[in-house]
């Protein structure tokens, strides 16, 4: 697939207006969900969880991937371990891009949000 990568997911709380940033780690194993910060800092191959969950409805507004992947990948957003129709191209969300595509992807309170890498 590709070398492991890291990045940040940025959410806005739909009720509180607070910004939530979650670091993630994308392993180089096919079919392995990204590891997302569970509150203890940047996740690695064994840290974090394979999902994040919020106590209020949130909207995903940005995905920033640390520059490094050398192949074109996509990520499939998942809600409660179910596929959603939403996927994103890794190369369009590199942290070095000054104009990443704007996102406005809503999730209900309590939804387990995860990312599944796809080649």
N, C-alpha and C. Protein backbone atom coordinates (compact mmCIF):
# COMPACT_ATOMS: atom_id res chain seq x y z
N UNK A 1 0.83 -1.17 0.00
CA UNK A 1 0.00 0.00 0.00
C UNK A 1 0.88 1.25 0.00
N UNK A 2 1.26 1.75 1.15
CA UNK A 2 2.09 2.95 1.26
C UNK A 2 2.68 2.98 2.67
N UNK A 3 3.63 3.87 2.88
CA UNK A 3 4.18 4.01 4.23
C UNK A 3 3.13 4.59 5.17
N UNK A 4 3.23 4.31 6.47
CA UNK A 4 2.25 4.86 7.42
C UNK A 4 2.22 6.38 7.35
N UNK A 5 1.07 6.95 7.59
CA UNK A 5 0.88 8.40 7.55
C UNK A 5 0.11 8.86 8.78
N UNK A 6 0.21 10.14 9.04
CA UNK A 6 -0.55 10.75 10.13
C UNK A 6 -1.31 11.95 9.59
N UNK A 7 -2.24 12.43 10.38
CA UNK A 7 -3.01 13.60 9.98
C UNK A 7 -3.92 14.07 11.08
N UNK A 8 -4.80 14.99 10.74
CA UNK A 8 -5.73 15.57 11.70
C UNK A 8 -7.12 15.68 11.09
N UNK A 9 -8.11 15.27 11.86
CA UNK A 9 -9.51 15.46 11.51
C UNK A 9 -10.02 16.65 12.33
N UNK A 10 -10.71 17.59 11.70
CA UNK A 10 -11.25 18.74 12.42
C UNK A 10 -12.77 18.73 12.33
N UNK A 11 -13.39 18.78 13.49
CA UNK A 11 -14.85 18.76 13.62
C UNK A 11 -15.30 20.04 14.32
N UNK A 12 -16.54 20.44 14.05
CA UNK A 12 -17.19 21.53 14.77
C UNK A 12 -18.41 20.94 15.48
N UNK A 13 -18.56 21.25 16.76
CA UNK A 13 -19.75 20.82 17.50
C UNK A 13 -20.95 21.62 17.04
N UNK A 14 -21.99 20.95 16.59
CA UNK A 14 -23.16 21.65 16.05
C UNK A 14 -23.95 22.40 17.11
N UNK A 15 -23.84 22.01 18.38
CA UNK A 15 -24.55 22.71 19.45
C UNK A 15 -23.64 23.70 20.17
N UNK A 16 -22.43 23.26 20.49
CA UNK A 16 -21.52 24.10 21.28
C UNK A 16 -20.73 25.09 20.42
N UNK A 17 -20.52 24.76 19.15
CA UNK A 17 -19.68 25.60 18.30
C UNK A 17 -18.20 25.38 18.53
N UNK A 18 -17.85 24.45 19.42
CA UNK A 18 -16.45 24.17 19.72
C UNK A 18 -15.79 23.43 18.56
N UNK A 19 -14.48 23.63 18.43
CA UNK A 19 -13.69 22.92 17.43
C UNK A 19 -13.01 21.75 18.11
N UNK A 20 -13.10 20.58 17.50
CA UNK A 20 -12.46 19.37 18.01
C UNK A 20 -11.48 18.87 16.96
N UNK A 21 -10.22 18.71 17.35
CA UNK A 21 -9.22 18.15 16.43
C UNK A 21 -8.78 16.80 16.95
N UNK A 22 -8.78 15.83 16.05
CA UNK A 22 -8.39 14.48 16.39
C UNK A 22 -7.25 14.05 15.48
N UNK A 23 -6.11 13.72 16.08
CA UNK A 23 -4.99 13.18 15.31
C UNK A 23 -5.31 11.76 14.91
N UNK A 24 -4.78 11.33 13.76
CA UNK A 24 -4.97 9.94 13.35
C UNK A 24 -3.70 9.37 12.75
N UNK A 25 -3.62 8.06 12.76
CA UNK A 25 -2.50 7.31 12.22
C UNK A 25 -3.06 6.30 11.23
N UNK A 26 -2.54 6.33 10.03
CA UNK A 26 -3.00 5.45 8.96
C UNK A 26 -1.88 4.44 8.70
N UNK A 27 -2.08 3.21 9.09
CA UNK A 27 -1.07 2.16 8.91
C UNK A 27 -0.97 1.78 7.43
N UNK A 28 0.04 1.02 7.10
CA UNK A 28 0.22 0.61 5.71
C UNK A 28 -0.32 -0.81 5.48
N UNK A 29 -1.38 -1.17 6.15
CA UNK A 29 -1.97 -2.50 6.01
C UNK A 29 -3.38 -2.37 5.40
N UNK A 30 -3.61 -3.08 4.32
CA UNK A 30 -4.92 -3.03 3.66
C UNK A 30 -6.00 -3.53 4.61
N UNK A 31 -7.11 -2.82 4.64
CA UNK A 31 -8.24 -3.23 5.47
C UNK A 31 -8.13 -2.86 6.93
N UNK A 32 -7.10 -2.12 7.30
CA UNK A 32 -6.91 -1.70 8.69
C UNK A 32 -7.40 -0.27 8.86
N UNK A 33 -8.35 -0.06 9.75
CA UNK A 33 -8.89 1.28 9.96
C UNK A 33 -7.83 2.19 10.58
N UNK A 34 -7.96 3.48 10.28
CA UNK A 34 -7.06 4.46 10.88
C UNK A 34 -7.23 4.46 12.39
N UNK A 35 -6.14 4.68 13.12
CA UNK A 35 -6.18 4.80 14.58
C UNK A 35 -6.38 6.27 14.90
N UNK A 36 -7.38 6.60 15.72
CA UNK A 36 -7.73 7.99 16.02
C UNK A 36 -7.49 8.27 17.50
N UNK A 37 -6.95 9.45 17.77
CA UNK A 37 -6.63 9.87 19.14
C UNK A 37 -7.83 9.70 20.06
N UNK A 38 -7.61 9.00 21.16
CA UNK A 38 -8.68 8.77 22.14
C UNK A 38 -8.52 9.67 23.36
N UNK A 39 -7.67 10.69 23.23
CA UNK A 39 -7.47 11.63 24.34
C UNK A 39 -6.12 11.53 25.00
N UNK A 40 -5.30 10.58 24.56
CA UNK A 40 -3.99 10.39 25.17
C UNK A 40 -2.85 10.88 24.29
N UNK A 41 -3.16 11.60 23.24
CA UNK A 41 -2.13 12.11 22.35
C UNK A 41 -2.16 11.41 21.00
N UNK A 42 -1.15 11.68 20.20
CA UNK A 42 -1.10 11.15 18.83
C UNK A 42 -1.07 9.63 18.84
N UNK A 43 -1.99 9.02 18.14
CA UNK A 43 -2.03 7.56 18.10
C UNK A 43 -0.93 7.00 17.20
N UNK A 44 -0.55 5.79 17.45
CA UNK A 44 0.39 5.07 16.60
C UNK A 44 -0.24 3.78 16.17
N UNK A 45 0.58 2.82 15.83
CA UNK A 45 0.06 1.53 15.36
C UNK A 45 -0.79 0.84 16.42
N UNK A 46 -0.52 1.10 17.69
CA UNK A 46 -1.28 0.42 18.74
C UNK A 46 -2.04 1.38 19.66
N UNK A 47 -1.81 2.68 19.53
CA UNK A 47 -2.49 3.64 20.40
C UNK A 47 -3.81 4.11 19.81
N UNK A 48 -4.57 4.81 20.60
CA UNK A 48 -5.84 5.34 20.13
C UNK A 48 -6.88 4.27 19.91
N UNK A 49 -7.92 4.65 19.21
CA UNK A 49 -9.02 3.74 18.88
C UNK A 49 -9.19 3.73 17.37
N UNK A 50 -10.01 2.84 16.86
CA UNK A 50 -10.26 2.86 15.42
C UNK A 50 -11.50 3.70 15.10
N UNK A 51 -11.89 4.55 16.03
CA UNK A 51 -13.03 5.44 15.83
C UNK A 51 -12.91 6.63 16.78
N UNK A 52 -13.72 7.66 16.54
CA UNK A 52 -13.91 8.72 17.51
C UNK A 52 -15.41 8.94 17.64
N UNK A 53 -15.82 9.42 18.80
CA UNK A 53 -17.24 9.61 19.08
C UNK A 53 -17.40 10.89 19.90
N UNK A 54 -18.50 11.61 19.66
CA UNK A 54 -18.75 12.86 20.35
C UNK A 54 -20.12 12.83 21.00
N UNK A 55 -20.27 13.57 22.08
CA UNK A 55 -21.53 13.61 22.81
C UNK A 55 -22.55 14.59 22.24
N UNK A 56 -22.21 15.22 21.15
CA UNK A 56 -23.13 16.13 20.48
C UNK A 56 -22.99 15.91 18.97
N UNK A 57 -23.97 16.36 18.18
CA UNK A 57 -23.81 16.26 16.73
C UNK A 57 -22.60 17.10 16.30
N UNK A 58 -21.83 16.59 15.36
CA UNK A 58 -20.65 17.30 14.87
C UNK A 58 -20.65 17.32 13.35
N UNK A 59 -19.85 18.23 12.81
CA UNK A 59 -19.65 18.31 11.37
C UNK A 59 -18.15 18.23 11.10
N UNK A 60 -17.75 17.29 10.25
CA UNK A 60 -16.35 17.18 9.84
C UNK A 60 -16.10 18.28 8.81
N UNK A 61 -15.15 19.18 9.13
CA UNK A 61 -14.90 20.30 8.24
C UNK A 61 -13.54 20.26 7.56
N UNK A 62 -12.62 19.40 8.03
CA UNK A 62 -11.31 19.35 7.38
C UNK A 62 -10.62 18.02 7.68
N UNK A 63 -9.89 17.54 6.69
CA UNK A 63 -8.98 16.40 6.84
C UNK A 63 -7.63 16.89 6.34
N UNK A 64 -6.62 16.85 7.19
CA UNK A 64 -5.28 17.29 6.82
C UNK A 64 -4.31 16.13 7.00
N UNK A 65 -3.76 15.64 5.91
CA UNK A 65 -2.83 14.50 5.92
C UNK A 65 -1.41 15.03 5.82
N UNK A 66 -0.52 14.56 6.69
CA UNK A 66 0.87 14.98 6.64
C UNK A 66 1.47 14.47 5.34
N UNK A 67 2.14 15.37 4.63
CA UNK A 67 2.72 15.04 3.33
C UNK A 67 3.65 13.84 3.45
N UNK A 68 3.58 12.95 2.50
CA UNK A 68 4.44 11.79 2.52
C UNK A 68 3.97 10.64 1.65
N UNK A 69 2.66 10.36 1.58
CA UNK A 69 2.23 9.25 0.74
C UNK A 69 2.66 9.44 -0.71
N UNK A 70 3.11 8.37 -1.31
CA UNK A 70 3.61 8.46 -2.68
C UNK A 70 2.69 7.80 -3.69
N UNK A 71 1.59 7.26 -3.24
CA UNK A 71 0.61 6.68 -4.16
C UNK A 71 -0.75 7.30 -3.88
N UNK A 72 -1.62 7.22 -4.86
CA UNK A 72 -2.95 7.80 -4.69
C UNK A 72 -3.83 6.82 -3.93
N UNK A 73 -4.30 7.26 -2.77
CA UNK A 73 -5.18 6.44 -1.94
C UNK A 73 -6.50 7.18 -1.75
N UNK A 74 -7.49 6.43 -1.31
CA UNK A 74 -8.74 7.05 -0.88
C UNK A 74 -9.05 6.55 0.51
N UNK A 75 -9.85 7.33 1.21
CA UNK A 75 -10.32 6.93 2.52
C UNK A 75 -11.84 6.88 2.48
N UNK A 76 -12.41 5.86 3.05
CA UNK A 76 -13.87 5.72 3.12
C UNK A 76 -14.30 6.08 4.52
N UNK A 77 -15.14 7.09 4.67
CA UNK A 77 -15.67 7.43 5.99
C UNK A 77 -16.72 6.39 6.37
N UNK A 78 -16.68 6.01 7.63
CA UNK A 78 -17.61 5.01 8.14
C UNK A 78 -18.33 5.59 9.36
N UNK A 79 -19.59 5.20 9.53
CA UNK A 79 -20.38 5.62 10.68
C UNK A 79 -20.93 4.37 11.35
N UNK A 80 -20.54 4.18 12.62
CA UNK A 80 -20.94 2.98 13.36
C UNK A 80 -20.56 1.70 12.61
N UNK A 81 -19.35 1.71 12.05
CA UNK A 81 -18.76 0.58 11.32
C UNK A 81 -19.53 0.20 10.06
N UNK A 82 -20.37 1.09 9.58
CA UNK A 82 -21.09 0.88 8.32
C UNK A 82 -20.49 1.81 7.28
N UNK A 83 -20.38 1.31 6.05
CA UNK A 83 -19.88 2.16 4.97
C UNK A 83 -20.82 3.34 4.73
N UNK A 84 -20.25 4.50 4.50
CA UNK A 84 -21.03 5.65 4.05
C UNK A 84 -20.68 5.85 2.57
N UNK A 85 -21.44 6.64 1.85
CA UNK A 85 -21.11 6.89 0.44
C UNK A 85 -19.97 7.89 0.28
N UNK A 86 -19.39 8.33 1.40
CA UNK A 86 -18.39 9.40 1.35
C UNK A 86 -16.98 8.84 1.36
N UNK A 87 -16.23 9.16 0.32
CA UNK A 87 -14.81 8.82 0.28
C UNK A 87 -14.04 10.08 -0.12
N UNK A 88 -12.76 10.10 0.19
CA UNK A 88 -11.95 11.26 -0.14
C UNK A 88 -10.59 10.80 -0.67
N UNK A 89 -10.06 11.57 -1.59
CA UNK A 89 -8.73 11.28 -2.16
C UNK A 89 -7.67 11.88 -1.25
N UNK A 90 -6.74 11.03 -0.84
CA UNK A 90 -5.65 11.45 0.05
C UNK A 90 -4.92 12.67 -0.49
N UNK A 91 -4.60 12.64 -1.78
CA UNK A 91 -3.77 13.70 -2.37
C UNK A 91 -4.44 15.07 -2.34
N UNK A 92 -5.76 15.12 -2.23
CA UNK A 92 -6.47 16.40 -2.16
C UNK A 92 -6.50 16.99 -0.76
N UNK A 93 -6.01 16.22 0.23
CA UNK A 93 -6.10 16.67 1.62
C UNK A 93 -4.73 16.75 2.31
N UNK A 94 -3.66 16.90 1.53
CA UNK A 94 -2.33 17.03 2.12
C UNK A 94 -2.23 18.33 2.90
N UNK A 95 -1.53 18.29 4.03
CA UNK A 95 -1.43 19.47 4.89
C UNK A 95 -0.66 20.61 4.24
N UNK A 96 0.09 20.34 3.18
CA UNK A 96 0.85 21.40 2.51
C UNK A 96 0.00 22.18 1.50
N UNK A 97 -1.19 21.69 1.20
CA UNK A 97 -2.06 22.40 0.26
C UNK A 97 -2.73 23.58 0.97
N UNK A 98 -2.68 24.74 0.36
CA UNK A 98 -3.28 25.91 0.98
C UNK A 98 -4.80 25.95 0.78
N UNK A 99 -5.28 25.19 -0.17
CA UNK A 99 -6.73 25.19 -0.41
C UNK A 99 -7.25 23.76 -0.55
N UNK A 100 -7.38 23.08 0.60
CA UNK A 100 -7.98 21.75 0.57
C UNK A 100 -9.47 21.89 0.32
N UNK A 101 -10.10 20.87 -0.25
CA UNK A 101 -11.54 20.95 -0.51
C UNK A 101 -12.31 21.18 0.79
N UNK A 102 -13.26 22.11 0.79
CA UNK A 102 -14.06 22.32 2.00
C UNK A 102 -14.98 21.13 2.25
N UNK A 103 -15.09 20.75 3.50
CA UNK A 103 -15.95 19.63 3.88
C UNK A 103 -17.08 20.14 4.77
N UNK A 104 -18.19 19.47 4.73
CA UNK A 104 -19.31 19.77 5.62
C UNK A 104 -20.09 18.47 5.77
N UNK A 105 -19.50 17.52 6.52
CA UNK A 105 -20.07 16.18 6.64
C UNK A 105 -20.61 16.01 8.06
N UNK A 106 -21.93 15.95 8.20
CA UNK A 106 -22.54 15.87 9.54
C UNK A 106 -22.58 14.44 10.09
N UNK A 107 -22.47 14.36 11.40
CA UNK A 107 -22.62 13.09 12.12
C UNK A 107 -23.49 13.33 13.34
N UNK A 108 -24.33 12.38 13.67
CA UNK A 108 -25.18 12.48 14.86
C UNK A 108 -24.35 12.26 16.12
N UNK A 109 -24.86 12.75 17.23
CA UNK A 109 -24.22 12.52 18.52
C UNK A 109 -24.13 11.01 18.77
N UNK A 110 -23.00 10.56 19.29
CA UNK A 110 -22.82 9.16 19.62
C UNK A 110 -22.39 8.27 18.47
N UNK A 111 -22.27 8.82 17.27
CA UNK A 111 -21.84 8.03 16.11
C UNK A 111 -20.36 7.69 16.23
N UNK A 112 -20.01 6.44 15.99
CA UNK A 112 -18.60 6.04 15.95
C UNK A 112 -18.08 6.33 14.54
N UNK A 113 -17.23 7.35 14.44
CA UNK A 113 -16.72 7.81 13.16
C UNK A 113 -15.35 7.18 12.94
N UNK A 114 -15.18 6.56 11.78
CA UNK A 114 -13.90 5.92 11.47
C UNK A 114 -13.56 6.11 10.00
N UNK A 115 -12.30 5.78 9.66
CA UNK A 115 -11.81 5.89 8.29
C UNK A 115 -11.21 4.55 7.89
N UNK A 116 -11.61 4.05 6.74
CA UNK A 116 -11.06 2.81 6.20
C UNK A 116 -10.24 3.14 4.96
N UNK A 117 -8.92 2.89 4.97
CA UNK A 117 -8.10 3.14 3.80
C UNK A 117 -8.49 2.19 2.65
N UNK A 118 -8.46 2.74 1.45
CA UNK A 118 -8.70 1.94 0.26
C UNK A 118 -7.67 2.29 -0.79
N UNK A 119 -7.19 1.29 -1.50
CA UNK A 119 -6.17 1.53 -2.54
C UNK A 119 -6.80 2.07 -3.79
